[in-house]
């Protein structure tokens, strides 16, 4: 990964307390996994920002290398990688995601 791409990713992730790399947008997810993550975050009623990886192939590949995680969507809280769809769903079902998102928004 180039230093420029890494800098760009770090800037995106730090631009919002809750940031999601996904396929599509929060208003129009373009895969089921992205739609699931968006649905969970909307259900929690938390504000979040997104980036459509389909709009930029360098980010689409770079974020996988950055996080060492092979799939998209990817959710970040306060700049920290939390996980993809399965992890987010699991955390939500245990009530842990609500606590973590609330904490990320309060800091």
C-alpha atoms as a PDB file:
ATOM      1  CA  UNK A   1       0.000   0.000   0.000  1.00  0.00           C
ATOM      2  CA  UNK A   2       1.301   3.427  -0.862  1.00  0.00           C
ATOM      3  CA  UNK A   3       1.786   5.961   1.929  1.00  0.00           C
ATOM      4  CA  UNK A   4      -0.702   8.237   0.144  1.00  0.00           C
ATOM      5  CA  UNK A   5      -3.394   5.562   0.140  1.00  0.00           C
ATOM      6  CA  UNK A   6      -2.776   4.713   3.787  1.00  0.00           C
ATOM      7  CA  UNK A   7      -3.026   8.415   4.692  1.00  0.00           C
ATOM      8  CA  UNK A   8      -6.289   8.716   2.758  1.00  0.00           C
ATOM      9  CA  UNK A   9      -7.784   5.693   4.534  1.00  0.00           C
ATOM     10  CA  UNK A  10      -6.696   6.986   7.960  1.00  0.00           C
ATOM     11  CA  UNK A  11      -8.278  10.371   7.185  1.00  0.00           C
ATOM     12  CA  UNK A  12     -11.545   8.726   6.108  1.00  0.00           C
ATOM     13  CA  UNK A  13     -11.707   6.510   9.197  1.00  0.00           C
ATOM     14  CA  UNK A  14     -11.038   9.434  11.521  1.00  0.00           C
ATOM     15  CA  UNK A  15     -13.609  11.672   9.807  1.00  0.00           C
ATOM     16  CA  UNK A  16     -16.502  10.240  11.873  1.00  0.00           C
ATOM     17  CA  UNK A  17     -16.881   8.328  15.163  1.00  0.00           C
ATOM     18  CA  UNK A  18     -18.624   5.507  13.275  1.00  0.00           C
ATOM     19  CA  UNK A  19     -17.340   4.828   9.774  1.00  0.00           C
ATOM     20  CA  UNK A  20     -18.310   2.022   7.406  1.00  0.00           C
ATOM     21  CA  UNK A  21     -16.643   0.871   4.204  1.00  0.00           C
ATOM     22  CA  UNK A  22     -19.389  -0.753   2.207  1.00  0.00           C
ATOM     23  CA  UNK A  23     -20.711  -1.586  -1.231  1.00  0.00           C
ATOM     24  CA  UNK A  24     -23.157   1.168  -2.111  1.00  0.00           C
ATOM     25  CA  UNK A  25     -24.383   3.908   0.188  1.00  0.00           C
ATOM     26  CA  UNK A  26     -26.361   3.909   3.408  1.00  0.00           C
ATOM     27  CA  UNK A  27     -29.419   4.931   1.395  1.00  0.00           C
ATOM     28  CA  UNK A  28     -28.776   2.346  -1.330  1.00  0.00           C
ATOM     29  CA  UNK A  29     -26.660  -0.610  -0.155  1.00  0.00           C
ATOM     30  CA  UNK A  30     -25.522  -2.754  -3.061  1.00  0.00           C
ATOM     31  CA  UNK A  31     -24.973  -6.071  -1.284  1.00  0.00           C
ATOM     32  CA  UNK A  32     -26.800  -7.967   1.416  1.00  0.00           C
ATOM     33  CA  UNK A  33     -23.971  -7.786   3.927  1.00  0.00           C
ATOM     34  CA  UNK A  34     -23.696  -4.004   3.569  1.00  0.00           C
ATOM     35  CA  UNK A  35     -27.483  -3.702   3.854  1.00  0.00           C
ATOM     36  CA  UNK A  36     -27.419  -5.752   7.056  1.00  0.00           C
ATOM     37  CA  UNK A  37     -24.771  -3.542   8.680  1.00  0.00           C
ATOM     38  CA  UNK A  38     -26.618  -0.378   7.649  1.00  0.00           C
ATOM     39  CA  UNK A  39     -29.857  -1.829   9.023  1.00  0.00           C
ATOM     40  CA  UNK A  40     -28.266  -2.605  12.384  1.00  0.00           C
ATOM     41  CA  UNK A  41     -26.746   0.870  12.710  1.00  0.00           C
ATOM     42  CA  UNK A  42     -30.033   2.518  11.696  1.00  0.00           C
ATOM     43  CA  UNK A  43     -31.882   0.339  14.212  1.00  0.00           C
ATOM     44  CA  UNK A  44     -29.502   1.621  16.901  1.00  0.00           C
ATOM     45  CA  UNK A  45     -30.277   5.169  15.780  1.00  0.00           C
ATOM     46  CA  UNK A  46     -26.635   6.217  15.638  1.00  0.00           C
ATOM     47  CA  UNK A  47     -25.147   8.614  13.094  1.00  0.00           C
ATOM     48  CA  UNK A  48     -22.521   7.058  10.853  1.00  0.00           C
ATOM     49  CA  UNK A  49     -20.556   7.872   7.733  1.00  0.00           C
ATOM     50  CA  UNK A  50     -19.861   5.539   4.842  1.00  0.00           C
ATOM     51  CA  UNK A  51     -17.626   5.145   1.833  1.00  0.00           C
ATOM     52  CA  UNK A  52     -18.772   3.269  -1.265  1.00  0.00           C
ATOM     53  CA  UNK A  53     -15.839   1.024  -2.173  1.00  0.00           C
ATOM     54  CA  UNK A  54     -17.384   0.410  -5.587  1.00  0.00           C
ATOM     55  CA  UNK A  55     -16.500   4.007  -6.461  1.00  0.00           C
ATOM     56  CA  UNK A  56     -12.747   3.581  -5.906  1.00  0.00           C
ATOM     57  CA  UNK A  57     -10.888   0.349  -6.608  1.00  0.00           C
ATOM     58  CA  UNK A  58      -7.746   1.518  -4.768  1.00  0.00           C
ATOM     59  CA  UNK A  59      -9.748   2.001  -1.553  1.00  0.00           C
ATOM     60  CA  UNK A  60     -11.667  -1.242  -2.137  1.00  0.00           C
ATOM     61  CA  UNK A  61      -8.423  -3.236  -2.188  1.00  0.00           C
ATOM     62  CA  UNK A  62      -6.449  -0.993   0.138  1.00  0.00           C
ATOM     63  CA  UNK A  63      -8.891  -1.213   3.035  1.00  0.00           C
ATOM     64  CA  UNK A  64      -8.565  -5.005   3.022  1.00  0.00           C
ATOM     65  CA  UNK A  65      -4.810  -4.695   3.379  1.00  0.00           C
ATOM     66  CA  UNK A  66      -5.106  -1.875   5.926  1.00  0.00           C
ATOM     67  CA  UNK A  67      -7.348  -3.890   8.257  1.00  0.00           C
ATOM     68  CA  UNK A  68      -5.963  -7.319   7.354  1.00  0.00           C
ATOM     69  CA  UNK A  69      -9.598  -8.327   6.824  1.00  0.00           C
ATOM     70  CA  UNK A  70     -10.616  -9.828   3.463  1.00  0.00           C
ATOM     71  CA  UNK A  71     -14.234  -8.748   3.204  1.00  0.00           C
ATOM     72  CA  UNK A  72     -16.432  -5.680   2.992  1.00  0.00           C
ATOM     73  CA  UNK A  73     -18.299  -4.147   4.797  1.00  0.00           C
ATOM     74  CA  UNK A  74     -15.877  -3.033   7.464  1.00  0.00           C
ATOM     75  CA  UNK A  75     -16.949  -1.041  10.513  1.00  0.00           C
ATOM     76  CA  UNK A  76     -14.680   1.334  12.434  1.00  0.00           C
ATOM     77  CA  UNK A  77     -15.440   2.980  15.786  1.00  0.00           C
ATOM     78  CA  UNK A  78     -13.240   5.937  16.710  1.00  0.00           C
ATOM     79  CA  UNK A  79     -10.712   4.777  14.122  1.00  0.00           C
ATOM     80  CA  UNK A  80     -10.560   1.201  15.417  1.00  0.00           C
ATOM     81  CA  UNK A  81     -11.537  -1.693  13.163  1.00  0.00           C
ATOM     82  CA  UNK A  82     -14.409  -3.583  14.790  1.00  0.00           C
ATOM     83  CA  UNK A  83     -15.315  -6.145  12.151  1.00  0.00           C
ATOM     84  CA  UNK A  84     -17.512  -7.123   9.265  1.00  0.00           C
ATOM     85  CA  UNK A  85     -21.130  -8.134   8.964  1.00  0.00           C
ATOM     86  CA  UNK A  86     -21.021 -11.335  11.048  1.00  0.00           C
ATOM     87  CA  UNK A  87     -19.147  -9.704  13.927  1.00  0.00           C
ATOM     88  CA  UNK A  88     -21.438  -6.656  13.894  1.00  0.00           C
ATOM     89  CA  UNK A  89     -24.533  -8.880  13.942  1.00  0.00           C
ATOM     90  CA  UNK A  90     -23.130 -10.958  16.794  1.00  0.00           C
ATOM     91  CA  UNK A  91     -22.220  -7.874  18.822  1.00  0.00           C
ATOM     92  CA  UNK A  92     -25.664  -6.400  18.163  1.00  0.00           C
ATOM     93  CA  UNK A  93     -27.453  -9.549  19.307  1.00  0.00           C
ATOM     94  CA  UNK A  94     -25.432  -9.561  22.543  1.00  0.00           C
ATOM     95  CA  UNK A  95     -26.143  -5.860  23.157  1.00  0.00           C
ATOM     96  CA  UNK A  96     -22.452  -5.045  22.947  1.00  0.00           C
ATOM     97  CA  UNK A  97     -22.687  -2.953  19.764  1.00  0.00           C
ATOM     98  CA  UNK A  98     -25.115  -0.463  21.317  1.00  0.00           C
ATOM     99  CA  UNK A  99     -22.687   0.094  24.187  1.00  0.00           C
ATOM    100  CA  UNK A 100     -19.666   0.472  21.903  1.00  0.00           C
ATOM    101  CA  UNK A 101     -21.373   2.867  19.492  1.00  0.00           C
ATOM    102  CA  UNK A 102     -22.676   4.977  22.369  1.00  0.00           C
ATOM    103  CA  UNK A 103     -19.189   5.148  23.866  1.00  0.00           C
ATOM    104  CA  UNK A 104     -17.682   6.092  20.488  1.00  0.00           C
ATOM    105  CA  UNK A 105     -20.151   8.957  20.145  1.00  0.00           C
ATOM    106  CA  UNK A 106     -19.577  10.261  23.689  1.00  0.00           C
ATOM    107  CA  UNK A 107     -15.789  10.533  23.511  1.00  0.00           C
END
